């Protein structure tokens, strides 16, 4: 029985993508925060927007993590970046929708 000479390749995580994903997640949070502030700044507005941010983060995070497990295995940097991009886009949409509240 022969042994394989193949050496497993370990991929290095791209640290700049991880940081960019974290910054974009914070940008998404700020979209929710400033939308709550713009519609009156009441405690209930902050509570609802911040709860909504974490709910959206949990749901989209699980979905993106499952997709990452199948499509880009062992690339957590891509997963974090994708979560950050989604959170920034959702936060931006939430902030823009504050203009539609009367």
C-alpha atoms as a PDB file:
ATOM      1  CA  UNK A   1       0.000   0.000   0.000  1.00  0.00           C
ATOM      2  CA  UNK A   2       1.517   3.288  -1.109  1.00  0.00           C
ATOM      3  CA  UNK A   3       1.254   6.530   0.767  1.00  0.00           C
ATOM      4  CA  UNK A   4       0.446   9.810  -0.877  1.00  0.00           C
ATOM      5  CA  UNK A   5       3.151  12.415  -1.212  1.00  0.00           C
ATOM      6  CA  UNK A   6       0.589  15.194  -1.354  1.00  0.00           C
ATOM      7  CA  UNK A   7       1.003  17.875   1.265  1.00  0.00           C
ATOM      8  CA  UNK A   8      -2.178  19.573   2.459  1.00  0.00           C
ATOM      9  CA  UNK A   9      -2.216  23.226   1.513  1.00  0.00           C
ATOM     10  CA  UNK A  10      -3.237  25.652   4.204  1.00  0.00           C
ATOM     11  CA  UNK A  11      -4.682  28.864   2.872  1.00  0.00           C
ATOM     12  CA  UNK A  12      -3.764  32.057   4.581  1.00  0.00           C
ATOM     13  CA  UNK A  13      -6.716  34.216   5.575  1.00  0.00           C
ATOM     14  CA  UNK A  14      -6.729  37.693   4.066  1.00  0.00           C
ATOM     15  CA  UNK A  15      -6.658  39.985   7.124  1.00  0.00           C
ATOM     16  CA  UNK A  16      -7.711  43.069   5.166  1.00  0.00           C
ATOM     17  CA  UNK A  17     -10.918  41.302   4.061  1.00  0.00           C
ATOM     18  CA  UNK A  18     -11.649  40.383   7.664  1.00  0.00           C
ATOM     19  CA  UNK A  19     -11.169  43.991   8.784  1.00  0.00           C
ATOM     20  CA  UNK A  20     -13.238  45.300   5.871  1.00  0.00           C
ATOM     21  CA  UNK A  21     -16.043  42.878   6.765  1.00  0.00           C
ATOM     22  CA  UNK A  22     -15.952  44.032  10.390  1.00  0.00           C
ATOM     23  CA  UNK A  23     -16.012  47.709   9.368  1.00  0.00           C
ATOM     24  CA  UNK A  24     -18.908  47.107   6.975  1.00  0.00           C
ATOM     25  CA  UNK A  25     -20.825  45.355   9.753  1.00  0.00           C
ATOM     26  CA  UNK A  26     -20.330  48.427  11.950  1.00  0.00           C
ATOM     27  CA  UNK A  27     -21.516  50.621   9.040  1.00  0.00           C
ATOM     28  CA  UNK A  28     -24.666  48.491   8.848  1.00  0.00           C
ATOM     29  CA  UNK A  29     -25.222  48.959  12.575  1.00  0.00           C
ATOM     30  CA  UNK A  30     -24.781  52.718  12.206  1.00  0.00           C
ATOM     31  CA  UNK A  31     -27.428  52.742   9.462  1.00  0.00           C
ATOM     32  CA  UNK A  32     -29.910  51.296  11.944  1.00  0.00           C
ATOM     33  CA  UNK A  33     -28.720  53.595  14.725  1.00  0.00           C
ATOM     34  CA  UNK A  34     -29.004  56.794  12.685  1.00  0.00           C
ATOM     35  CA  UNK A  35     -32.380  55.743  11.276  1.00  0.00           C
ATOM     36  CA  UNK A  36     -33.681  55.354  14.843  1.00  0.00           C
ATOM     37  CA  UNK A  37     -32.219  58.724  15.747  1.00  0.00           C
ATOM     38  CA  UNK A  38     -33.754  60.384  12.680  1.00  0.00           C
ATOM     39  CA  UNK A  39     -37.299  59.171  13.366  1.00  0.00           C
ATOM     40  CA  UNK A  40     -37.393  60.748  16.774  1.00  0.00           C
ATOM     41  CA  UNK A  41     -34.692  59.185  18.894  1.00  0.00           C
ATOM     42  CA  UNK A  42     -37.110  57.593  21.310  1.00  0.00           C
ATOM     43  CA  UNK A  43     -35.979  54.600  23.336  1.00  0.00           C
ATOM     44  CA  UNK A  44     -38.418  52.315  21.549  1.00  0.00           C
ATOM     45  CA  UNK A  45     -36.982  53.337  18.153  1.00  0.00           C
ATOM     46  CA  UNK A  46     -33.447  52.533  19.293  1.00  0.00           C
ATOM     47  CA  UNK A  47     -34.593  49.242  20.816  1.00  0.00           C
ATOM     48  CA  UNK A  48     -36.435  48.151  17.692  1.00  0.00           C
ATOM     49  CA  UNK A  49     -33.685  49.145  15.264  1.00  0.00           C
ATOM     50  CA  UNK A  50     -30.891  47.590  17.288  1.00  0.00           C
ATOM     51  CA  UNK A  51     -32.925  44.400  17.808  1.00  0.00           C
ATOM     52  CA  UNK A  52     -33.631  44.382  14.064  1.00  0.00           C
ATOM     53  CA  UNK A  53     -29.935  44.728  13.293  1.00  0.00           C
ATOM     54  CA  UNK A  54     -29.011  41.743  15.440  1.00  0.00           C
ATOM     55  CA  UNK A  55     -31.915  39.689  14.082  1.00  0.00           C
ATOM     56  CA  UNK A  56     -30.886  40.418  10.491  1.00  0.00           C
ATOM     57  CA  UNK A  57     -27.259  39.716  11.406  1.00  0.00           C
ATOM     58  CA  UNK A  58     -28.188  36.329  12.869  1.00  0.00           C
ATOM     59  CA  UNK A  59     -30.398  35.263   9.962  1.00  0.00           C
ATOM     60  CA  UNK A  60     -28.119  36.439   7.151  1.00  0.00           C
ATOM     61  CA  UNK A  61     -25.041  35.271   9.049  1.00  0.00           C
ATOM     62  CA  UNK A  62     -26.367  31.725   9.278  1.00  0.00           C
ATOM     63  CA  UNK A  63     -27.365  31.709   5.605  1.00  0.00           C
ATOM     64  CA  UNK A  64     -24.008  33.088   4.430  1.00  0.00           C
ATOM     65  CA  UNK A  65     -22.096  30.730   6.732  1.00  0.00           C
ATOM     66  CA  UNK A  66     -23.962  27.741   5.274  1.00  0.00           C
ATOM     67  CA  UNK A  67     -23.284  28.959   1.747  1.00  0.00           C
ATOM     68  CA  UNK A  68     -19.646  29.478   2.671  1.00  0.00           C
ATOM     69  CA  UNK A  69     -19.398  25.950   3.962  1.00  0.00           C
ATOM     70  CA  UNK A  70     -20.393  24.603   0.556  1.00  0.00           C
ATOM     71  CA  UNK A  71     -18.800  27.116  -1.830  1.00  0.00           C
ATOM     72  CA  UNK A  72     -15.703  28.546  -0.170  1.00  0.00           C
ATOM     73  CA  UNK A  73     -14.702  26.050   2.493  1.00  0.00           C
ATOM     74  CA  UNK A  74     -11.850  27.124   4.810  1.00  0.00           C
ATOM     75  CA  UNK A  75     -12.168  30.763   3.739  1.00  0.00           C
ATOM     76  CA  UNK A  76     -13.597  32.504   6.780  1.00  0.00           C
ATOM     77  CA  UNK A  77     -12.314  35.837   5.487  1.00  0.00           C
ATOM     78  CA  UNK A  78     -14.688  35.626   2.516  1.00  0.00           C
ATOM     79  CA  UNK A  79     -17.570  34.704   4.828  1.00  0.00           C
ATOM     80  CA  UNK A  80     -16.911  37.671   7.127  1.00  0.00           C
ATOM     81  CA  UNK A  81     -16.591  40.006   4.152  1.00  0.00           C
ATOM     82  CA  UNK A  82     -19.877  38.744   2.662  1.00  0.00           C
ATOM     83  CA  UNK A  83     -21.687  39.211   5.975  1.00  0.00           C
ATOM     84  CA  UNK A  84     -20.272  42.744   6.244  1.00  0.00           C
ATOM     85  CA  UNK A  85     -21.355  43.648   2.715  1.00  0.00           C
ATOM     86  CA  UNK A  86     -24.889  42.378   3.331  1.00  0.00           C
ATOM     87  CA  UNK A  87     -25.123  44.251   6.644  1.00  0.00           C
ATOM     88  CA  UNK A  88     -23.873  47.495   5.091  1.00  0.00           C
ATOM     89  CA  UNK A  89     -26.406  47.222   2.258  1.00  0.00           C
ATOM     90  CA  UNK A  90     -29.290  46.450   4.625  1.00  0.00           C
ATOM     91  CA  UNK A  91     -28.242  49.265   6.979  1.00  0.00           C
ATOM     92  CA  UNK A  92     -28.135  51.690   4.056  1.00  0.00           C
ATOM     93  CA  UNK A  93     -31.612  50.629   2.901  1.00  0.00           C
ATOM     94  CA  UNK A  94     -32.971  50.969   6.446  1.00  0.00           C
ATOM     95  CA  UNK A  95     -31.470  54.451   6.712  1.00  0.00           C
ATOM     96  CA  UNK A  96     -33.000  55.475   3.373  1.00  0.00           C
ATOM     97  CA  UNK A  97     -36.405  54.104   4.372  1.00  0.00           C
ATOM     98  CA  UNK A  98     -36.543  56.475   7.321  1.00  0.00           C
ATOM     99  CA  UNK A  99     -37.636  59.162   4.869  1.00  0.00           C
ATOM    100  CA  UNK A 100     -40.841  57.190   4.163  1.00  0.00           C
ATOM    101  CA  UNK A 101     -42.016  57.186   7.781  1.00  0.00           C
ATOM    102  CA  UNK A 102     -44.584  59.840   8.621  1.00  0.00           C
END
